[in-house]
C-alpha atoms as a PDB file:
ATOM      1  CA  MET A   1     -12.615 -72.858 -13.861  1.00  0.00           C
ATOM      2  CA  ILE A   2     -11.208 -70.583 -16.535  1.00  0.00           C
ATOM      3  CA  ASP A   3     -13.648 -69.126 -19.102  1.00  0.00           C
ATOM      4  CA  GLU A   4     -14.093 -71.106 -22.284  1.00  0.00           C
ATOM      5  CA  GLY A   5     -11.819 -69.876 -25.106  1.00  0.00           C
ATOM      6  CA  VAL A   6      -9.353 -68.021 -22.810  1.00  0.00           C
ATOM      7  CA  GLY A   7      -6.153 -69.989 -22.730  1.00  0.00           C
ATOM      8  CA  VAL A   8      -3.903 -70.217 -19.545  1.00  0.00           C
ATOM      9  CA  VAL A   9      -0.184 -70.155 -20.332  1.00  0.00           C
ATOM     10  CA  GLY A  10       1.668 -73.311 -19.726  1.00  0.00           C
ATOM     11  CA  ARG A  11       4.305 -73.994 -17.315  1.00  0.00           C
ATOM     12  CA  ASP A  12       6.845 -74.912 -20.262  1.00  0.00           C
ATOM     13  CA  GLU A  13       6.315 -71.689 -21.960  1.00  0.00           C
ATOM     14  CA  LEU A  14       7.532 -69.856 -18.724  1.00  0.00           C
ATOM     15  CA  ALA A  15      10.551 -72.132 -18.081  1.00  0.00           C
ATOM     16  CA  VAL A  16      12.906 -69.853 -20.009  1.00  0.00           C
ATOM     17  CA  ASP A  17      15.507 -67.344 -19.218  1.00  0.00           C
ATOM     18  CA  PRO A  18      13.734 -64.111 -17.791  1.00  0.00           C
ATOM     19  CA  VAL A  19      15.404 -61.964 -20.412  1.00  0.00           C
ATOM     20  CA  ALA A  20      13.638 -63.829 -23.175  1.00  0.00           C
ATOM     21  CA  LEU A  21      10.554 -64.281 -21.152  1.00  0.00           C
ATOM     22  CA  ALA A  22       9.977 -60.692 -20.265  1.00  0.00           C
ATOM     23  CA  PRO A  23       9.108 -59.541 -23.867  1.00  0.00           C
ATOM     24  CA  TRP A  24       7.172 -62.533 -24.482  1.00  0.00           C
ATOM     25  CA  LEU A  25       4.860 -61.712 -21.536  1.00  0.00           C
ATOM     26  CA  LEU A  26       3.908 -58.318 -23.187  1.00  0.00           C
ATOM     27  CA  GLY A  27       0.461 -58.583 -24.265  1.00  0.00           C
ATOM     28  CA  CYS A  28      -0.383 -61.518 -21.944  1.00  0.00           C
ATOM     29  CA  VAL A  29      -3.319 -61.047 -19.531  1.00  0.00           C
ATOM     30  CA  LEU A  30      -2.974 -61.349 -15.858  1.00  0.00           C
ATOM     31  CA  GLU A  31      -6.329 -61.928 -14.148  1.00  0.00           C
ATOM     32  CA  SER A  32      -7.394 -61.964 -10.430  1.00  0.00           C
ATOM     33  CA  HIS A  33     -10.650 -63.339  -9.163  1.00  0.00           C
ATOM     34  CA  SER A  34     -11.883 -62.574  -5.727  1.00  0.00           C
ATOM     35  CA  GLU A  35     -15.134 -61.987  -3.719  1.00  0.00           C
ATOM     36  CA  GLU A  36     -15.001 -58.330  -4.931  1.00  0.00           C
ATOM     37  CA  GLY A  37     -15.067 -59.457  -8.547  1.00  0.00           C
ATOM     38  CA  THR A  38     -12.578 -59.896 -11.474  1.00  0.00           C
ATOM     39  CA  VAL A  39      -9.866 -57.793 -12.794  1.00  0.00           C
ATOM     40  CA  ARG A  40      -8.051 -58.505 -15.893  1.00  0.00           C
ATOM     41  CA  VAL A  41      -4.841 -56.605 -17.018  1.00  0.00           C
ATOM     42  CA  ARG A  42      -3.022 -56.677 -20.295  1.00  0.00           C
ATOM     43  CA  LEU A  43       0.755 -56.455 -19.395  1.00  0.00           C
ATOM     44  CA  ALA A  44       2.348 -53.558 -21.010  1.00  0.00           C
ATOM     45  CA  GLU A  45       5.570 -53.236 -19.095  1.00  0.00           C
ATOM     46  CA  VAL A  46       7.882 -55.870 -17.410  1.00  0.00           C
ATOM     47  CA  GLU A  47      11.439 -56.174 -16.061  1.00  0.00           C
ATOM     48  CA  ALA A  48      13.708 -59.224 -16.117  1.00  0.00           C
ATOM     49  CA  TYR A  49      15.531 -60.388 -13.000  1.00  0.00           C
ATOM     50  CA  ARG A  50      17.977 -63.236 -13.116  1.00  0.00           C
ATOM     51  CA  GLY A  51      19.606 -64.857 -10.151  1.00  0.00           C
ATOM     52  CA  LEU A  52      23.283 -65.385  -8.915  1.00  0.00           C
ATOM     53  CA  ASP A  53      24.629 -63.446 -11.944  1.00  0.00           C
ATOM     54  CA  ASP A  54      22.276 -60.311 -11.573  1.00  0.00           C
ATOM     55  CA  PRO A  55      23.261 -57.818  -8.793  1.00  0.00           C
ATOM     56  CA  ALA A  56      19.760 -56.237  -8.837  1.00  0.00           C
ATOM     57  CA  SER A  57      18.011 -59.616  -8.092  1.00  0.00           C
ATOM     58  CA  HIS A  58      16.752 -60.766  -4.778  1.00  0.00           C
ATOM     59  CA  CYS A  59      18.579 -63.965  -5.383  1.00  0.00           C
ATOM     60  CA  TYR A  60      22.036 -62.545  -6.102  1.00  0.00           C
ATOM     61  CA  ARG A  61      23.207 -63.607  -2.553  1.00  0.00           C
ATOM     62  CA  GLY A  62      21.585 -66.869  -2.417  1.00  0.00           C
ATOM     63  CA  ARG A  63      18.422 -68.716  -1.397  1.00  0.00           C
ATOM     64  CA  THR A  64      16.414 -67.372   1.484  1.00  0.00           C
ATOM     65  CA  PRO A  65      12.933 -67.863   2.895  1.00  0.00           C
ATOM     66  CA  ARG A  66      11.970 -64.621   1.264  1.00  0.00           C
ATOM     67  CA  ASN A  67      12.954 -65.274  -2.152  1.00  0.00           C
ATOM     68  CA  ASP A  68      12.283 -69.004  -2.140  1.00  0.00           C
ATOM     69  CA  VAL A  69       9.655 -68.829  -4.740  1.00  0.00           C
ATOM     70  CA  MET A  70      11.774 -67.251  -7.273  1.00  0.00           C
ATOM     71  CA  TRP A  71      13.862 -70.429  -7.332  1.00  0.00           C
ATOM     72  CA  GLY A  72      11.130 -72.173  -9.204  1.00  0.00           C
ATOM     73  CA  PRO A  73       9.275 -74.138 -10.574  1.00  0.00           C
ATOM     74  CA  ALA A  74       8.249 -71.718 -13.230  1.00  0.00           C
ATOM     75  CA  GLY A  75       4.737 -70.456 -13.386  1.00  0.00           C
ATOM     76  CA  HIS A  76       4.400 -69.374  -9.933  1.00  0.00           C
ATOM     77  CA  LEU A  77       3.780 -65.715  -8.583  1.00  0.00           C
ATOM     78  CA  TYR A  78       6.617 -64.167  -6.459  1.00  0.00           C
ATOM     79  CA  VAL A  79       5.126 -61.423  -4.321  1.00  0.00           C
ATOM     80  CA  TYR A  80       7.325 -59.204  -2.139  1.00  0.00           C
ATOM     81  CA  PHE A  81       6.742 -56.317   0.175  1.00  0.00           C
ATOM     82  CA  VAL A  82       8.759 -52.933  -0.535  1.00  0.00           C
ATOM     83  CA  TYR A  83       9.139 -49.781   1.306  1.00  0.00           C
ATOM     84  CA  GLY A  84       7.006 -51.064   4.322  1.00  0.00           C
ATOM     85  CA  MET A  85       3.865 -50.307   2.347  1.00  0.00           C
ATOM     86  CA  HIS A  86       3.681 -51.913  -1.180  1.00  0.00           C
ATOM     87  CA  PHE A  87       3.447 -55.282  -2.626  1.00  0.00           C
ATOM     88  CA  CYS A  88       4.992 -56.116  -6.191  1.00  0.00           C
ATOM     89  CA  ALA A  89       4.649 -59.191  -8.246  1.00  0.00           C
ATOM     90  CA  ASN A  90       6.752 -61.450 -10.420  1.00  0.00           C
ATOM     91  CA  VAL A  91       6.196 -64.290 -12.911  1.00  0.00           C
ATOM     92  CA  VAL A  92       8.800 -67.037 -12.147  1.00  0.00           C
ATOM     93  CA  GLY A  93      10.713 -68.258 -15.021  1.00  0.00           C
ATOM     94  CA  LEU A  94      13.565 -70.947 -15.731  1.00  0.00           C
ATOM     95  CA  THR A  95      13.536 -74.310 -14.079  1.00  0.00           C
ATOM     96  CA  ASP A  96      13.181 -75.523 -10.662  1.00  0.00           C
ATOM     97  CA  GLY A  97      16.388 -74.595  -8.718  1.00  0.00           C
ATOM     98  CA  LYS A  98      17.472 -71.862 -11.015  1.00  0.00           C
ATOM     99  CA  PRO A  99      16.278 -68.348 -10.030  1.00  0.00           C
ATOM    100  CA  GLY A 100      14.681 -66.079 -12.195  1.00  0.00           C
ATOM    101  CA  ALA A 101      11.500 -64.054 -12.426  1.00  0.00           C
ATOM    102  CA  VAL A 102       9.974 -61.190 -14.375  1.00  0.00           C
ATOM    103  CA  LEU A 103       8.525 -58.125 -12.595  1.00  0.00           C
ATOM    104  CA  VAL A 104       5.099 -56.904 -13.888  1.00  0.00           C
ATOM    105  CA  ARG A 105       5.446 -53.286 -14.068  1.00  0.00           C
ATOM    106  CA  ALA A 106       2.317 -51.917 -15.519  1.00  0.00           C
ATOM    107  CA  GLY A 107      -0.992 -52.971 -17.606  1.00  0.00           C
ATOM    108  CA  GLU A 108      -4.017 -51.866 -19.190  1.00  0.00           C
ATOM    109  CA  VAL A 109      -7.229 -52.808 -17.312  1.00  0.00           C
ATOM    110  CA  LEU A 110      -9.397 -54.961 -19.742  1.00  0.00           C
ATOM    111  CA  GLU A 111     -12.059 -56.027 -17.307  1.00  0.00           C
ATOM    112  CA  GLY A 112     -13.148 -54.987 -13.882  1.00  0.00           C
ATOM    113  CA  GLN A 113     -12.539 -51.077 -14.430  1.00  0.00           C
ATOM    114  CA  GLU A 114     -14.820 -50.100 -11.550  1.00  0.00           C
ATOM    115  CA  LEU A 115     -13.172 -52.422  -9.172  1.00  0.00           C
ATOM    116  CA  ALA A 116      -9.731 -51.304 -10.293  1.00  0.00           C
ATOM    117  CA  ARG A 117     -10.878 -47.688  -9.793  1.00  0.00           C
ATOM    118  CA  THR A 118     -11.917 -48.435  -6.101  1.00  0.00           C
ATOM    119  CA  ARG A 119      -8.495 -50.024  -5.422  1.00  0.00           C
ATOM    120  CA  ARG A 120      -6.797 -47.105  -7.140  1.00  0.00           C
ATOM    121  CA  PRO A 121      -8.945 -44.036  -6.734  1.00  0.00           C
ATOM    122  CA  THR A 122      -6.185 -41.474  -7.369  1.00  0.00           C
ATOM    123  CA  ALA A 123      -5.379 -42.591 -10.861  1.00  0.00           C
ATOM    124  CA  ARG A 124      -5.968 -39.613 -13.389  1.00  0.00           C
ATOM    125  CA  GLY A 125      -7.211 -41.553 -16.412  1.00  0.00           C
ATOM    126  CA  ASN A 126      -8.279 -45.047 -17.533  1.00  0.00           C
ATOM    127  CA  GLY A 127      -4.886 -45.714 -19.014  1.00  0.00           C
ATOM    128  CA  THR A 128      -2.883 -45.201 -15.833  1.00  0.00           C
ATOM    129  CA  VAL A 129      -5.019 -47.168 -13.458  1.00  0.00           C
ATOM    130  CA  ALA A 130      -2.412 -49.963 -13.345  1.00  0.00           C
ATOM    131  CA  LYS A 131       0.618 -47.764 -14.046  1.00  0.00           C
ATOM    132  CA  GLY A 132       3.631 -48.824 -11.802  1.00  0.00           C
ATOM    133  CA  PRO A 133       4.373 -52.304 -10.110  1.00  0.00           C
ATOM    134  CA  ALA A 134       2.851 -51.531  -6.734  1.00  0.00           C
ATOM    135  CA  VAL A 135      -0.233 -49.958  -8.447  1.00  0.00           C
ATOM    136  CA  LEU A 136      -0.767 -52.978 -10.686  1.00  0.00           C
ATOM    137  CA  THR A 137      -0.444 -55.343  -7.667  1.00  0.00           C
ATOM    138  CA  SER A 138      -2.951 -53.253  -5.783  1.00  0.00           C
ATOM    139  CA  VAL A 139      -5.401 -52.975  -8.741  1.00  0.00           C
ATOM    140  CA  LEU A 140      -5.331 -56.813  -8.930  1.00  0.00           C
ATOM    141  CA  GLY A 141      -5.765 -57.197  -5.339  1.00  0.00           C
ATOM    142  CA  LEU A 142      -2.566 -59.042  -4.766  1.00  0.00           C
ATOM    143  CA  ASP A 143      -0.608 -59.302  -1.317  1.00  0.00           C
ATOM    144  CA  ALA A 144       1.493 -61.637   0.662  1.00  0.00           C
ATOM    145  CA  ALA A 145      -1.075 -64.357   0.652  1.00  0.00           C
ATOM    146  CA  HIS A 146      -0.813 -64.762  -3.036  1.00  0.00           C
ATOM    147  CA  ASN A 147       2.978 -65.538  -2.951  1.00  0.00           C
ATOM    148  CA  GLY A 148       3.714 -68.916  -4.615  1.00  0.00           C
ATOM    149  CA  ILE A 149       0.273 -68.971  -6.163  1.00  0.00           C
ATOM    150  CA  ASP A 150       0.325 -71.293  -9.504  1.00  0.00           C
ATOM    151  CA  LEU A 151      -0.465 -68.992 -12.445  1.00  0.00           C
ATOM    152  CA  THR A 152      -0.864 -71.929 -14.782  1.00  0.00           C
ATOM    153  CA  ASP A 153      -3.553 -73.679 -12.984  1.00  0.00           C
ATOM    154  CA  PRO A 154      -7.005 -73.034 -14.462  1.00  0.00           C
ATOM    155  CA  ASP A 155      -8.698 -73.231 -11.155  1.00  0.00           C
ATOM    156  CA  SER A 156      -6.286 -70.636  -9.691  1.00  0.00           C
ATOM    157  CA  PRO A 157      -7.826 -67.436  -8.366  1.00  0.00           C
ATOM    158  CA  VAL A 158      -4.919 -65.587 -10.161  1.00  0.00           C
ATOM    159  CA  ARG A 159      -4.023 -66.819 -13.809  1.00  0.00           C
ATOM    160  CA  LEU A 160      -1.714 -65.836 -16.524  1.00  0.00           C
ATOM    161  CA  CYS A 161      -3.466 -66.197 -19.982  1.00  0.00           C
ATOM    162  CA  HIS A 162      -2.348 -65.685 -23.597  1.00  0.00           C
ATOM    163  CA  GLY A 163      -3.263 -62.389 -24.998  1.00  0.00           C
ATOM    164  CA  ASP A 164      -2.776 -60.695 -28.422  1.00  0.00           C
ATOM    165  CA  ASP A 165       0.684 -60.878 -29.901  1.00  0.00           C
ATOM    166  CA  VAL A 166       2.585 -57.648 -29.731  1.00  0.00           C
ATOM    167  CA  PRO A 167       4.380 -56.753 -33.021  1.00  0.00           C
ATOM    168  CA  ALA A 168       8.153 -56.786 -32.610  1.00  0.00           C
ATOM    169  CA  GLU A 169       8.307 -53.197 -33.735  1.00  0.00           C
ATOM    170  CA  ARG A 170       6.263 -51.872 -30.909  1.00  0.00           C
ATOM    171  CA  ILE A 171       8.403 -53.544 -28.164  1.00  0.00           C
ATOM    172  CA  ARG A 172      10.866 -51.192 -26.663  1.00  0.00           C
ATOM    173  CA  THR A 173      13.791 -51.922 -24.348  1.00  0.00           C
ATOM    174  CA  GLY A 174      15.923 -50.019 -21.738  1.00  0.00           C
ATOM    175  CA  PRO A 175      17.453 -49.806 -18.352  1.00  0.00           C
ATOM    176  CA  ARG A 176      15.496 -51.126 -15.194  1.00  0.00           C
ATOM    177  CA  VAL A 177      13.766 -48.616 -12.847  1.00  0.00           C
ATOM    178  CA  GLY A 178      14.780 -47.867  -9.365  1.00  0.00           C
ATOM    179  CA  VAL A 179      17.611 -50.419  -8.989  1.00  0.00           C
ATOM    180  CA  ALA A 180      20.911 -49.660  -7.250  1.00  0.00           C
ATOM    181  CA  ALA A 181      22.957 -52.112  -8.946  1.00  0.00           C
ATOM    182  CA  ALA A 182      23.324 -53.040 -12.636  1.00  0.00           C
ATOM    183  CA  GLN A 183      21.490 -49.892 -13.567  1.00  0.00           C
ATOM    184  CA  ASP A 184      22.539 -49.803 -17.177  1.00  0.00           C
ATOM    185  CA  VAL A 185      21.256 -53.266 -18.077  1.00  0.00           C
ATOM    186  CA  PRO A 186      18.399 -53.030 -20.601  1.00  0.00           C
ATOM    187  CA  TRP A 187      16.182 -55.656 -19.310  1.00  0.00           C
ATOM    188  CA  ARG A 188      13.014 -53.513 -19.067  1.00  0.00           C
ATOM    189  CA  PHE A 189      10.622 -53.977 -21.910  1.00  0.00           C
ATOM    190  CA  TRP A 190       7.327 -52.202 -22.745  1.00  0.00           C
ATOM    191  CA  ILE A 191       4.818 -51.592 -25.471  1.00  0.00           C
ATOM    192  CA  ASP A 192       5.541 -48.352 -27.249  1.00  0.00           C
ATOM    193  CA  GLY A 193       2.541 -45.921 -27.151  1.00  0.00           C
ATOM    194  CA  SER A 194       0.810 -47.726 -24.095  1.00  0.00           C
ATOM    195  CA  PRO A 195      -0.349 -44.931 -21.763  1.00  0.00           C
ATOM    196  CA  ALA A 196       0.240 -47.529 -18.787  1.00  0.00           C
ATOM    197  CA  VAL A 197       3.942 -47.471 -19.185  1.00  0.00           C
ATOM    198  CA  SER A 198       5.726 -45.901 -16.225  1.00  0.00           C
ATOM    199  CA  THR A 199       8.144 -42.941 -16.086  1.00  0.00           C
ATOM    200  CA  TYR A 200      11.688 -43.974 -16.080  1.00  0.00           C
ATOM    201  CA  ARG A 201      13.771 -43.102 -12.944  1.00  0.00           C
ATOM    202  CA  ARG A 202      17.456 -44.027 -12.768  1.00  0.00           C
ATOM    203  CA  GLY A 203      18.882 -45.442  -9.557  1.00  0.00           C
ATOM    204  CA  GLY A 204      17.197 -46.315  -6.063  1.00  0.00           C
ATOM    205  CA  ARG A 205      17.582 -48.604  -3.256  1.00  0.00           C
ATOM    206  CA  VAL A 206      15.217 -51.396  -4.176  1.00  0.00           C
ATOM    207  CA  ARG A 207      16.569 -54.786  -5.389  1.00  0.00           C
ATOM    208  CA  ARG A 208      14.199 -57.372  -6.821  1.00  0.00           C
END
């Protein structure tokens, strides 16, 4: 059960357009519990991906076994494998049958720094331990087994919780990273000044 005083995000709060959901998620806390311990990360950078109208989305060409979780309901975790070596995680939004999700790109470790370090020993500083989508997923210990897990369930080993509100003046937006299509769509959102925010690289072959 979740610790007293910490509020799990409700499904209704996530059942909105990913472009609106993405900046709302900034400051929220994604936490993962395992036999190794607990890691809690404050989200500092995210990217919105819609469905049939977003050429950069995994759902652009329709529903498949791979992207099935992304079609809802909201509040579940969509985890996919990329480059044959990394996992990336997304918070599913919208409503059941309408695809959309937000890629969690980077965060600041609030709890479990030692465990996070063992999972990411090459990080140069505390602020960069969870910098980048594959790194963040690794720090949280997430893999294919977590695909479809309910982030809104208080008894879930992976939960999304409310955090401190981020002032609007600290939220920045710009092009998404590493996409081959819709490269100039400004659906990446981040907290200005956070050391966890990743370096922008235009273009790439990955579609989420």
